[in-house]
Amino acid sequence: MVLLIDDEPFMRMQVRRFLEKEGYQIVEATNGQEGIDACKRLHPDLILLDAMMPIMDGFECCNQLQALPASDHTPVLMITGLEDQFSVDKAFAVGAIDYITKPFHWAVLRQRVHRLIQQSQLLQQLEESNRVWQHLAAVDALTQLANRHQLDVQLDVEWRRMAREEAPLSFILCDIDFFKRYNDALGHQAGDACLRQVAKVIKRVAKRPGDLAIRYGGEEFAVILPNTPLDGAVKVAERLQNAVQRIQLVHPNSKVSSYVTLSTGVSTTFPSQTSYLLPEALITAADKALYEAKAMGRDRFCVHSLS
């Protein structure tokens, strides 16, 4: 779709007829404000904008168009009868991608419209591909939870935020008990299915805005809990363990239960911008607590506070 903004009816008619023959859908606007409203409503692929219009000229209109959401995806081709250096520089300064002068060389208009729409579409495809790759880089393929890289990034972000807000930050590290025995008894495909089901449970429990469920590695999972004191983190750990037990995944070789269970380590601190502690200290503390839970017989949680 091409949005044509021009105050001259004859010019709009000529451009519309020409571009419709080229297969484009044309929407007309007779002034700058009408064009802005149409752009908000229709999200065109290209805007053909006359530079010289009463009330609001094309330069001011283009400037306002650039402030609209997703304006980067809508190229503006300025139509002008002026070819002086000042007008050309001004057109580019307010966000126009290219310009074309009156009277039109129709073949030039055809090529510029085609090129600008094609470039815009390619840019959108590239940005979508980048979003997909960024998602893949941050997500564990098997469980669809955040991966270890995303843990490092998000923990640093939350550490800094909690330090500014003087709020507690908690971290949970959990391990599926005797998971190697589960794999040995049922096979790796069953093991992968087990990991996916446990991951769904963890994601469902860690559901507050800001909470982040992570596949830490192997059969280990983690949860970042911003604005959460130790007692709150303990409640989350208990809910995690209870929720996993409720799905009753049969474990033929566990030493603690007939079903899959979790051992959990919990750590909490109040990050400080002046403290010598680093975010990794929270992971280390949770790891120590997890080790204690395993040493005490598994299927339980232990805590370690850094405060």
C-alpha atoms as a PDB file:
ATOM      1  CA  MET A   1       0.000   0.000   0.000  1.00  0.00           C
ATOM      2  CA  VAL A   2       1.232   3.479  -0.936  1.00  0.00           C
ATOM      3  CA  LEU A   3       0.004   6.534   0.972  1.00  0.00           C
ATOM      4  CA  LEU A   4      -0.019   9.606  -1.285  1.00  0.00           C
ATOM      5  CA  ILE A   5      -0.096  12.944   0.573  1.00  0.00           C
ATOM      6  CA  ASP A   6      -0.575  15.878  -1.812  1.00  0.00           C
ATOM      7  CA  ASP A   7      -2.907  18.883  -1.808  1.00  0.00           C
ATOM      8  CA  GLU A   8      -3.216  19.024  -5.626  1.00  0.00           C
ATOM      9  CA  PRO A   9      -6.124  16.858  -6.917  1.00  0.00           C
ATOM     10  CA  PHE A  10      -4.754  16.623 -10.464  1.00  0.00           C
ATOM     11  CA  MET A  11      -1.346  15.474  -9.231  1.00  0.00           C
ATOM     12  CA  ARG A  12      -2.931  12.864  -6.958  1.00  0.00           C
ATOM     13  CA  MET A  13      -5.035  11.570  -9.857  1.00  0.00           C
ATOM     14  CA  GLN A  14      -1.994  11.235 -12.140  1.00  0.00           C
ATOM     15  CA  VAL A  15       0.128   9.451  -9.542  1.00  0.00           C
ATOM     16  CA  ARG A  16      -2.730   7.200  -8.447  1.00  0.00           C
ATOM     17  CA  ARG A  17      -3.542   6.080 -11.994  1.00  0.00           C
ATOM     18  CA  PHE A  18       0.095   5.429 -12.802  1.00  0.00           C
ATOM     19  CA  LEU A  19       0.844   3.427  -9.664  1.00  0.00           C
ATOM     20  CA  GLU A  20      -2.413   1.471  -9.797  1.00  0.00           C
ATOM     21  CA  LYS A  21      -1.388   0.308 -13.273  1.00  0.00           C
ATOM     22  CA  GLU A  22       1.836  -0.918 -11.633  1.00  0.00           C
ATOM     23  CA  GLY A  23      -0.241  -3.003  -9.224  1.00  0.00           C
ATOM     24  CA  TYR A  24      -0.063  -0.825  -6.105  1.00  0.00           C
ATOM     25  CA  GLN A  25      -2.966  -0.008  -3.806  1.00  0.00           C
ATOM     26  CA  ILE A  26      -3.129   3.771  -3.336  1.00  0.00           C
ATOM     27  CA  VAL A  27      -4.615   5.701  -0.423  1.00  0.00           C
ATOM     28  CA  GLU A  28      -4.856   9.481  -0.784  1.00  0.00           C
ATOM     29  CA  ALA A  29      -4.570  12.258   1.780  1.00  0.00           C
ATOM     30  CA  THR A  30      -5.101  15.900   0.907  1.00  0.00           C
ATOM     31  CA  ASN A  31      -2.980  17.490   3.660  1.00  0.00           C
ATOM     32  CA  GLY A  32      -0.319  16.713   6.232  1.00  0.00           C
ATOM     33  CA  GLN A  33      -2.595  16.023   9.196  1.00  0.00           C
ATOM     34  CA  GLU A  34      -4.855  13.788   7.152  1.00  0.00           C
ATOM     35  CA  GLY A  35      -1.751  11.923   6.002  1.00  0.00           C
ATOM     36  CA  ILE A  36      -0.503  11.450   9.562  1.00  0.00           C
ATOM     37  CA  ASP A  37      -3.888  10.101  10.638  1.00  0.00           C
ATOM     38  CA  ALA A  38      -3.963   7.726   7.654  1.00  0.00           C
ATOM     39  CA  CYS A  39      -0.458   6.494   8.429  1.00  0.00           C
ATOM     40  CA  LYS A  40      -1.413   5.714  12.022  1.00  0.00           C
ATOM     41  CA  ARG A  41      -4.450   3.801  10.840  1.00  0.00           C
ATOM     42  CA  LEU A  42      -3.136   1.973   7.778  1.00  0.00           C
ATOM     43  CA  HIS A  43       0.629   1.440   8.246  1.00  0.00           C
ATOM     44  CA  PRO A  44       1.474   1.837   4.534  1.00  0.00           C
ATOM     45  CA  ASP A  45       4.513   0.317   2.831  1.00  0.00           C
ATOM     46  CA  LEU A  46       5.559   3.691   1.402  1.00  0.00           C
ATOM     47  CA  ILE A  47       4.599   7.345   1.772  1.00  0.00           C
ATOM     48  CA  LEU A  48       4.735   9.677  -1.238  1.00  0.00           C
ATOM     49  CA  LEU A  49       4.781  13.137   0.343  1.00  0.00           C
ATOM     50  CA  ASP A  50       4.502  16.506  -1.394  1.00  0.00           C
ATOM     51  CA  ALA A  51       6.940  19.011   0.090  1.00  0.00           C
ATOM     52  CA  MET A  52       4.940  22.161  -0.657  1.00  0.00           C
ATOM     53  CA  MET A  53       1.492  22.119   0.957  1.00  0.00           C
ATOM     54  CA  PRO A  54      -0.461  24.793   2.837  1.00  0.00           C
ATOM     55  CA  ILE A  55      -0.974  24.735   6.635  1.00  0.00           C
ATOM     56  CA  MET A  56       1.560  21.933   7.204  1.00  0.00           C
ATOM     57  CA  ASP A  57       4.265  21.527   4.607  1.00  0.00           C
ATOM     58  CA  GLY A  58       5.793  18.182   3.724  1.00  0.00           C
ATOM     59  CA  PHE A  59       8.919  18.802   5.790  1.00  0.00           C
ATOM     60  CA  GLU A  60       6.951  19.264   9.018  1.00  0.00           C
ATOM     61  CA  CYS A  61       4.659  16.379   8.115  1.00  0.00           C
ATOM     62  CA  CYS A  62       7.654  14.104   7.524  1.00  0.00           C
ATOM     63  CA  ASN A  63       9.147  15.184  10.836  1.00  0.00           C
ATOM     64  CA  GLN A  64       5.946  14.212  12.655  1.00  0.00           C
ATOM     65  CA  LEU A  65       5.678  10.941  10.748  1.00  0.00           C
ATOM     66  CA  GLN A  66       9.101   9.919  12.050  1.00  0.00           C
ATOM     67  CA  ALA A  67       7.804  10.167  15.617  1.00  0.00           C
ATOM     68  CA  LEU A  68       5.094   7.559  14.993  1.00  0.00           C
ATOM     69  CA  PRO A  69       5.567   3.983  16.279  1.00  0.00           C
ATOM     70  CA  ALA A  70       7.308   1.712  13.756  1.00  0.00           C
ATOM     71  CA  SER A  71       8.111   4.720  11.548  1.00  0.00           C
ATOM     72  CA  ASP A  72      11.450   3.124  10.666  1.00  0.00           C
ATOM     73  CA  HIS A  73       9.564   0.606   8.539  1.00  0.00           C
ATOM     74  CA  THR A  74       7.754   3.212   6.419  1.00  0.00           C
ATOM     75  CA  PRO A  75      10.030   4.974   3.920  1.00  0.00           C
ATOM     76  CA  VAL A  76       9.098   8.494   2.842  1.00  0.00           C
ATOM     77  CA  LEU A  77       9.682   9.558  -0.767  1.00  0.00           C
ATOM     78  CA  MET A  78       9.474  13.357  -0.902  1.00  0.00           C
ATOM     79  CA  ILE A  79       7.872  14.968  -3.944  1.00  0.00           C
ATOM     80  CA  THR A  80       9.216  18.431  -4.600  1.00  0.00           C
ATOM     81  CA  GLY A  81       9.461  21.029  -7.308  1.00  0.00           C
ATOM     82  CA  LEU A  82      12.582  22.295  -5.582  1.00  0.00           C
ATOM     83  CA  GLU A  83      15.958  20.823  -6.382  1.00  0.00           C
ATOM     84  CA  ASP A  84      18.161  23.338  -4.569  1.00  0.00           C
ATOM     85  CA  GLN A  85      20.691  21.997  -2.095  1.00  0.00           C
ATOM     86  CA  PHE A  86      18.894  23.479   0.926  1.00  0.00           C
ATOM     87  CA  SER A  87      15.571  21.754   0.133  1.00  0.00           C
ATOM     88  CA  VAL A  88      17.258  18.413  -0.587  1.00  0.00           C
ATOM     89  CA  ASP A  89      19.254  18.578   2.660  1.00  0.00           C
ATOM     90  CA  LYS A  90      16.107  19.545   4.587  1.00  0.00           C
ATOM     91  CA  ALA A  91      14.173  16.604   3.146  1.00  0.00           C
ATOM     92  CA  PHE A  92      16.802  14.135   4.304  1.00  0.00           C
ATOM     93  CA  ALA A  93      17.183  15.908   7.653  1.00  0.00           C
ATOM     94  CA  VAL A  94      13.507  15.393   8.535  1.00  0.00           C
ATOM     95  CA  GLY A  95      13.648  11.685   7.651  1.00  0.00           C
ATOM     96  CA  ALA A  96      12.889  11.301   3.949  1.00  0.00           C
ATOM     97  CA  ILE A  97      14.653   8.310   2.387  1.00  0.00           C
ATOM     98  CA  ASP A  98      14.741   9.812  -1.121  1.00  0.00           C
ATOM     99  CA  TYR A  99      13.183  12.580  -3.192  1.00  0.00           C
ATOM    100  CA  ILE A 100      11.813  13.027  -6.685  1.00  0.00           C
ATOM    101  CA  THR A 101      11.208  16.318  -8.510  1.00  0.00           C
ATOM    102  CA  LYS A 102       8.284  17.585 -10.528  1.00  0.00           C
ATOM    103  CA  PRO A 103       7.502  17.162 -13.338  1.00  0.00           C
ATOM    104  CA  PHE A 104       7.898  13.419 -12.920  1.00  0.00           C
ATOM    105  CA  HIS A 105       9.917  11.126 -15.087  1.00  0.00           C
ATOM    106  CA  TRP A 106       7.477   8.247 -14.650  1.00  0.00           C
ATOM    107  CA  ALA A 107      10.048   5.506 -15.156  1.00  0.00           C
ATOM    108  CA  VAL A 108      12.126   7.046 -12.363  1.00  0.00           C
ATOM    109  CA  LEU A 109       9.081   7.143 -10.058  1.00  0.00           C
ATOM    110  CA  ARG A 110       8.332   3.497 -10.845  1.00  0.00           C
ATOM    111  CA  GLN A 111      11.862   2.391 -10.001  1.00  0.00           C
ATOM    112  CA  ARG A 112      12.125   4.435  -6.808  1.00  0.00           C
ATOM    113  CA  VAL A 113       8.789   3.236  -5.472  1.00  0.00           C
ATOM    114  CA  HIS A 114       9.699  -0.376  -6.258  1.00  0.00           C
ATOM    115  CA  ARG A 115      13.182  -0.049  -4.748  1.00  0.00           C
ATOM    116  CA  LEU A 116      12.065   1.656  -1.540  1.00  0.00           C
ATOM    117  CA  ILE A 117       9.259  -0.828  -0.849  1.00  0.00           C
ATOM    118  CA  GLN A 118      11.600  -3.726  -1.561  1.00  0.00           C
ATOM    119  CA  GLN A 119      14.278  -2.301   0.752  1.00  0.00           C
ATOM    120  CA  SER A 120      11.711  -1.729   3.511  1.00  0.00           C
ATOM    121  CA  GLN A 121      10.440  -5.292   3.226  1.00  0.00           C
ATOM    122  CA  LEU A 122      13.969  -6.702   3.274  1.00  0.00           C
ATOM    123  CA  LEU A 123      14.781  -4.625   6.350  1.00  0.00           C
ATOM    124  CA  GLN A 124      11.699  -5.928   8.141  1.00  0.00           C
ATOM    125  CA  GLN A 125      12.636  -9.506   7.229  1.00  0.00           C
ATOM    126  CA  LEU A 126      16.167  -8.927   8.511  1.00  0.00           C
ATOM    127  CA  GLU A 127      14.906  -7.478  11.788  1.00  0.00           C
ATOM    128  CA  GLU A 128      12.527 -10.400  12.232  1.00  0.00           C
ATOM    129  CA  SER A 129      15.397 -12.818  11.569  1.00  0.00           C
ATOM    130  CA  ASN A 130      17.497 -10.977  14.138  1.00  0.00           C
ATOM    131  CA  ARG A 131      14.676 -11.249  16.683  1.00  0.00           C
ATOM    132  CA  VAL A 132      14.451 -14.992  16.018  1.00  0.00           C
ATOM    133  CA  TRP A 133      18.210 -15.416  16.416  1.00  0.00           C
ATOM    134  CA  GLN A 134      18.227 -13.357  19.612  1.00  0.00           C
ATOM    135  CA  HIS A 135      15.447 -15.551  20.959  1.00  0.00           C
ATOM    136  CA  LEU A 136      17.327 -18.700  20.025  1.00  0.00           C
ATOM    137  CA  ALA A 137      20.499 -17.348  21.630  1.00  0.00           C
ATOM    138  CA  ALA A 138      18.651 -16.762  24.912  1.00  0.00           C
ATOM    139  CA  VAL A 139      16.504 -19.908  25.065  1.00  0.00           C
ATOM    140  CA  ASP A 140      17.319 -23.537  25.787  1.00  0.00           C
ATOM    141  CA  ALA A 141      16.149 -25.547  22.780  1.00  0.00           C
ATOM    142  CA  LEU A 142      14.921 -28.586  24.745  1.00  0.00           C
ATOM    143  CA  THR A 143      12.934 -26.909  27.523  1.00  0.00           C
ATOM    144  CA  GLN A 144      12.217 -23.446  26.038  1.00  0.00           C
ATOM    145  CA  LEU A 145      13.388 -21.876  29.288  1.00  0.00           C
ATOM    146  CA  ALA A 146      16.036 -19.179  29.393  1.00  0.00           C
ATOM    147  CA  ASN A 147      19.528 -20.616  28.974  1.00  0.00           C
ATOM    148  CA  ARG A 148      22.713 -20.115  30.984  1.00  0.00           C
ATOM    149  CA  HIS A 149      23.792 -17.114  28.918  1.00  0.00           C
ATOM    150  CA  GLN A 150      20.493 -15.379  29.583  1.00  0.00           C
ATOM    151  CA  LEU A 151      20.883 -16.173  33.288  1.00  0.00           C
ATOM    152  CA  ASP A 152      24.193 -14.298  33.398  1.00  0.00           C
ATOM    153  CA  VAL A 153      22.692 -11.307  31.582  1.00  0.00           C
ATOM    154  CA  GLN A 154      19.482 -11.119  33.612  1.00  0.00           C
ATOM    155  CA  LEU A 155      21.114 -11.740  36.975  1.00  0.00           C
ATOM    156  CA  ASP A 156      23.454  -8.818  36.381  1.00  0.00           C
ATOM    157  CA  VAL A 157      20.510  -6.608  35.364  1.00  0.00           C
ATOM    158  CA  GLU A 158      18.465  -7.543  38.435  1.00  0.00           C
ATOM    159  CA  TRP A 159      21.471  -7.217  40.745  1.00  0.00           C
ATOM    160  CA  ARG A 160      21.957  -3.621  39.633  1.00  0.00           C
ATOM    161  CA  ARG A 161      18.245  -2.858  39.821  1.00  0.00           C
ATOM    162  CA  MET A 162      17.852  -4.307  43.304  1.00  0.00           C
ATOM    163  CA  ALA A 163      20.928  -2.356  44.432  1.00  0.00           C
ATOM    164  CA  ARG A 164      19.301   0.875  43.250  1.00  0.00           C
ATOM    165  CA  GLU A 165      15.988  -0.003  44.890  1.00  0.00           C
ATOM    166  CA  GLU A 166      17.628  -1.437  48.050  1.00  0.00           C
ATOM    167  CA  ALA A 167      15.486  -4.537  47.613  1.00  0.00           C
ATOM    168  CA  PRO A 168      16.223  -8.249  48.140  1.00  0.00           C
ATOM    169  CA  LEU A 169      17.235 -10.572  45.335  1.00  0.00           C
ATOM    170  CA  SER A 170      16.800 -14.331  45.673  1.00  0.00           C
ATOM    171  CA  PHE A 171      18.031 -17.232  43.595  1.00  0.00           C
ATOM    172  CA  ILE A 172      16.927 -20.867  43.508  1.00  0.00           C
ATOM    173  CA  LEU A 173      19.001 -23.710  42.111  1.00  0.00           C
ATOM    174  CA  CYS A 174      17.305 -27.086  41.824  1.00  0.00           C
ATOM    175  CA  ASP A 175      18.327 -30.516  40.645  1.00  0.00           C
ATOM    176  CA  ILE A 176      16.226 -33.529  39.595  1.00  0.00           C
ATOM    177  CA  ASP A 177      17.097 -36.245  42.082  1.00  0.00           C
ATOM    178  CA  PHE A 178      18.914 -39.280  40.681  1.00  0.00           C
ATOM    179  CA  PHE A 179      18.340 -38.176  37.107  1.00  0.00           C
ATOM    180  CA  LYS A 180      21.135 -40.374  35.753  1.00  0.00           C
ATOM    181  CA  ARG A 181      19.349 -43.399  37.193  1.00  0.00           C
ATOM    182  CA  TYR A 182      16.167 -42.186  35.475  1.00  0.00           C
ATOM    183  CA  ASN A 183      17.977 -42.005  32.128  1.00  0.00           C
ATOM    184  CA  ASP A 184      19.644 -45.379  32.631  1.00  0.00           C
ATOM    185  CA  ALA A 185      16.300 -47.028  33.399  1.00  0.00           C
ATOM    186  CA  LEU A 186      14.061 -45.357  30.814  1.00  0.00           C
ATOM    187  CA  GLY A 187      16.384 -44.011  28.128  1.00  0.00           C
ATOM    188  CA  HIS A 188      17.401 -40.565  27.002  1.00  0.00           C
ATOM    189  CA  GLN A 189      14.181 -39.808  25.132  1.00  0.00           C
ATOM    190  CA  ALA A 190      12.220 -40.348  28.321  1.00  0.00           C
ATOM    191  CA  GLY A 191      14.823 -38.260  30.115  1.00  0.00           C
ATOM    192  CA  ASP A 192      14.299 -35.391  27.676  1.00  0.00           C
ATOM    193  CA  ALA A 193      10.527 -35.658  28.142  1.00  0.00           C
ATOM    194  CA  CYS A 194      11.047 -35.531  31.900  1.00  0.00           C
ATOM    195  CA  LEU A 195      13.159 -32.385  31.595  1.00  0.00           C
ATOM    196  CA  ARG A 196      10.499 -30.710  29.464  1.00  0.00           C
ATOM    197  CA  GLN A 197       7.729 -31.524  31.946  1.00  0.00           C
ATOM    198  CA  VAL A 198       9.742 -30.314  34.930  1.00  0.00           C
ATOM    199  CA  ALA A 199      10.595 -27.142  32.993  1.00  0.00           C
ATOM    200  CA  LYS A 200       6.884 -26.456  32.400  1.00  0.00           C
ATOM    201  CA  VAL A 201       6.231 -26.816  36.114  1.00  0.00           C
ATOM    202  CA  ILE A 202       9.051 -24.445  37.033  1.00  0.00           C
ATOM    203  CA  LYS A 203       7.899 -21.860  34.502  1.00  0.00           C
ATOM    204  CA  ARG A 204       4.345 -22.112  35.819  1.00  0.00           C
ATOM    205  CA  VAL A 205       5.438 -21.579  39.425  1.00  0.00           C
ATOM    206  CA  ALA A 206       7.884 -18.735  38.649  1.00  0.00           C
ATOM    207  CA  LYS A 207       5.191 -16.640  37.002  1.00  0.00           C
ATOM    208  CA  ARG A 208       5.523 -13.155  38.521  1.00  0.00           C
ATOM    209  CA  PRO A 209       6.691 -10.339  36.246  1.00  0.00           C
ATOM    210  CA  GLY A 210      10.458 -10.229  36.640  1.00  0.00           C
ATOM    211  CA  ASP A 211      10.851 -13.871  37.702  1.00  0.00           C
ATOM    212  CA  LEU A 212      12.995 -15.858  35.295  1.00  0.00           C
ATOM    213  CA  ALA A 213      13.068 -19.650  35.003  1.00  0.00           C
ATOM    214  CA  ILE A 214      16.300 -21.049  33.567  1.00  0.00           C
ATOM    215  CA  ARG A 215      17.718 -24.348  32.480  1.00  0.00           C
ATOM    216  CA  TYR A 216      21.031 -24.125  34.285  1.00  0.00           C
ATOM    217  CA  GLY A 217      22.509 -27.208  32.645  1.00  0.00           C
ATOM    218  CA  GLY A 218      21.849 -30.936  32.460  1.00  0.00           C
ATOM    219  CA  GLU A 219      19.136 -31.737  34.993  1.00  0.00           C
ATOM    220  CA  GLU A 220      19.637 -28.481  36.917  1.00  0.00           C
ATOM    221  CA  PHE A 221      17.244 -25.545  36.799  1.00  0.00           C
ATOM    222  CA  ALA A 222      17.353 -22.094  38.342  1.00  0.00           C
ATOM    223  CA  VAL A 223      14.987 -19.249  39.140  1.00  0.00           C
ATOM    224  CA  ILE A 224      15.826 -15.557  39.579  1.00  0.00           C
ATOM    225  CA  LEU A 225      13.440 -13.871  42.030  1.00  0.00           C
ATOM    226  CA  PRO A 226      13.717 -10.057  42.181  1.00  0.00           C
ATOM    227  CA  ASN A 227      12.121  -8.200  45.097  1.00  0.00           C
ATOM    228  CA  THR A 228      11.918 -11.469  47.029  1.00  0.00           C
ATOM    229  CA  PRO A 229      13.166 -11.927  50.618  1.00  0.00           C
ATOM    230  CA  LEU A 230      14.361 -15.267  51.940  1.00  0.00           C
ATOM    231  CA  ASP A 231      10.990 -16.386  53.316  1.00  0.00           C
ATOM    232  CA  GLY A 232       9.346 -15.652  49.963  1.00  0.00           C
ATOM    233  CA  ALA A 233      12.028 -17.589  48.094  1.00  0.00           C
ATOM    234  CA  VAL A 234      11.576 -20.551  50.461  1.00  0.00           C
ATOM    235  CA  LYS A 235       7.852 -20.580  49.662  1.00  0.00           C
ATOM    236  CA  VAL A 236       8.650 -20.639  45.950  1.00  0.00           C
ATOM    237  CA  ALA A 237      11.098 -23.527  46.494  1.00  0.00           C
ATOM    238  CA  GLU A 238       8.431 -25.462  48.383  1.00  0.00           C
ATOM    239  CA  ARG A 239       5.890 -24.807  45.624  1.00  0.00           C
ATOM    240  CA  LEU A 240       8.385 -26.014  43.023  1.00  0.00           C
ATOM    241  CA  GLN A 241       8.984 -29.263  44.853  1.00  0.00           C
ATOM    242  CA  ASN A 242       5.283 -29.857  45.522  1.00  0.00           C
ATOM    243  CA  ALA A 243       4.305 -29.059  41.941  1.00  0.00           C
ATOM    244  CA  VAL A 244       6.858 -31.520  40.533  1.00  0.00           C
ATOM    245  CA  GLN A 245       5.642 -34.221  42.919  1.00  0.00           C
ATOM    246  CA  ARG A 246       2.014 -33.618  41.864  1.00  0.00           C
ATOM    247  CA  ILE A 247       2.695 -34.451  38.199  1.00  0.00           C
ATOM    248  CA  GLN A 248       3.788 -37.921  39.424  1.00  0.00           C
ATOM    249  CA  LEU A 249       6.463 -38.777  36.913  1.00  0.00           C
ATOM    250  CA  VAL A 250       7.341 -42.352  37.787  1.00  0.00           C
ATOM    251  CA  HIS A 251      10.999 -42.804  38.723  1.00  0.00           C
ATOM    252  CA  PRO A 252      11.896 -46.519  38.808  1.00  0.00           C
ATOM    253  CA  ASN A 253      15.367 -46.060  40.334  1.00  0.00           C
ATOM    254  CA  SER A 254      15.017 -43.189  42.801  1.00  0.00           C
ATOM    255  CA  LYS A 255      16.235 -43.748  46.349  1.00  0.00           C
ATOM    256  CA  VAL A 256      13.811 -41.259  47.864  1.00  0.00           C
ATOM    257  CA  SER A 257      10.452 -41.670  46.093  1.00  0.00           C
ATOM    258  CA  SER A 258       8.533 -43.599  43.479  1.00  0.00           C
ATOM    259  CA  TYR A 259       8.250 -40.338  41.541  1.00  0.00           C
ATOM    260  CA  VAL A 260      10.587 -37.641  40.241  1.00  0.00           C
ATOM    261  CA  THR A 261      11.590 -35.195  42.983  1.00  0.00           C
ATOM    262  CA  LEU A 262      13.715 -32.056  43.323  1.00  0.00           C
ATOM    263  CA  SER A 263      16.497 -31.006  45.644  1.00  0.00           C
ATOM    264  CA  THR A 264      16.671 -27.249  45.987  1.00  0.00           C
ATOM    265  CA  GLY A 265      19.138 -24.628  47.190  1.00  0.00           C
ATOM    266  CA  VAL A 266      17.955 -21.110  48.028  1.00  0.00           C
ATOM    267  CA  SER A 267      20.056 -17.966  48.456  1.00  0.00           C
ATOM    268  CA  THR A 268      19.143 -14.355  49.177  1.00  0.00           C
ATOM    269  CA  THR A 269      20.945 -11.057  49.527  1.00  0.00           C
ATOM    270  CA  PHE A 270      20.448  -7.312  49.364  1.00  0.00           C
ATOM    271  CA  PRO A 271      22.684  -6.215  46.483  1.00  0.00           C
ATOM    272  CA  SER A 272      24.644  -3.051  47.130  1.00  0.00           C
ATOM    273  CA  GLN A 273      26.463  -0.745  44.768  1.00  0.00           C
ATOM    274  CA  THR A 274      29.228  -0.435  47.359  1.00  0.00           C
ATOM    275  CA  SER A 275      29.471  -4.126  48.280  1.00  0.00           C
ATOM    276  CA  TYR A 276      32.415  -6.289  47.279  1.00  0.00           C
ATOM    277  CA  LEU A 277      29.966  -9.086  46.390  1.00  0.00           C
ATOM    278  CA  LEU A 278      29.252  -9.903  42.742  1.00  0.00           C
ATOM    279  CA  PRO A 279      26.096 -11.510  41.301  1.00  0.00           C
ATOM    280  CA  GLU A 280      27.983 -14.803  41.008  1.00  0.00           C
ATOM    281  CA  ALA A 281      28.061 -14.952  44.819  1.00  0.00           C
ATOM    282  CA  LEU A 282      24.311 -15.570  44.797  1.00  0.00           C
ATOM    283  CA  ILE A 283      24.775 -18.571  42.510  1.00  0.00           C
ATOM    284  CA  THR A 284      27.626 -19.910  44.624  1.00  0.00           C
ATOM    285  CA  ALA A 285      25.530 -19.640  47.792  1.00  0.00           C
ATOM    286  CA  ALA A 286      22.578 -21.427  46.177  1.00  0.00           C
ATOM    287  CA  ASP A 287      24.920 -24.137  44.921  1.00  0.00           C
ATOM    288  CA  LYS A 288      26.221 -24.686  48.458  1.00  0.00           C
ATOM    289  CA  ALA A 289      22.659 -24.898  49.759  1.00  0.00           C
ATOM    290  CA  LEU A 290      21.787 -27.404  47.017  1.00  0.00           C
ATOM    291  CA  TYR A 291      24.809 -29.514  47.959  1.00  0.00           C
ATOM    292  CA  GLU A 292      23.614 -29.517  51.570  1.00  0.00           C
ATOM    293  CA  ALA A 293      20.117 -30.607  50.484  1.00  0.00           C
ATOM    294  CA  LYS A 294      21.607 -33.523  48.565  1.00  0.00           C
ATOM    295  CA  ALA A 295      23.881 -34.466  51.463  1.00  0.00           C
ATOM    296  CA  MET A 296      20.908 -34.507  53.820  1.00  0.00           C
ATOM    297  CA  GLY A 297      19.033 -37.076  51.706  1.00  0.00           C
ATOM    298  CA  ARG A 298      17.601 -35.093  48.758  1.00  0.00           C
ATOM    299  CA  ASP A 299      13.941 -34.276  48.081  1.00  0.00           C
ATOM    300  CA  ARG A 300      14.256 -31.156  50.239  1.00  0.00           C
ATOM    301  CA  PHE A 301      15.510 -27.575  50.237  1.00  0.00           C
ATOM    302  CA  CYS A 302      18.287 -25.831  52.133  1.00  0.00           C
ATOM    303  CA  VAL A 303      18.982 -22.099  52.362  1.00  0.00           C
ATOM    304  CA  HIS A 304      22.015 -19.859  52.403  1.00  0.00           C
ATOM    305  CA  SER A 305      21.670 -16.150  53.012  1.00  0.00           C
ATOM    306  CA  LEU A 306      24.398 -13.677  52.057  1.00  0.00           C
ATOM    307  CA  SER A 307      22.900 -10.878  54.159  1.00  0.00           C
END
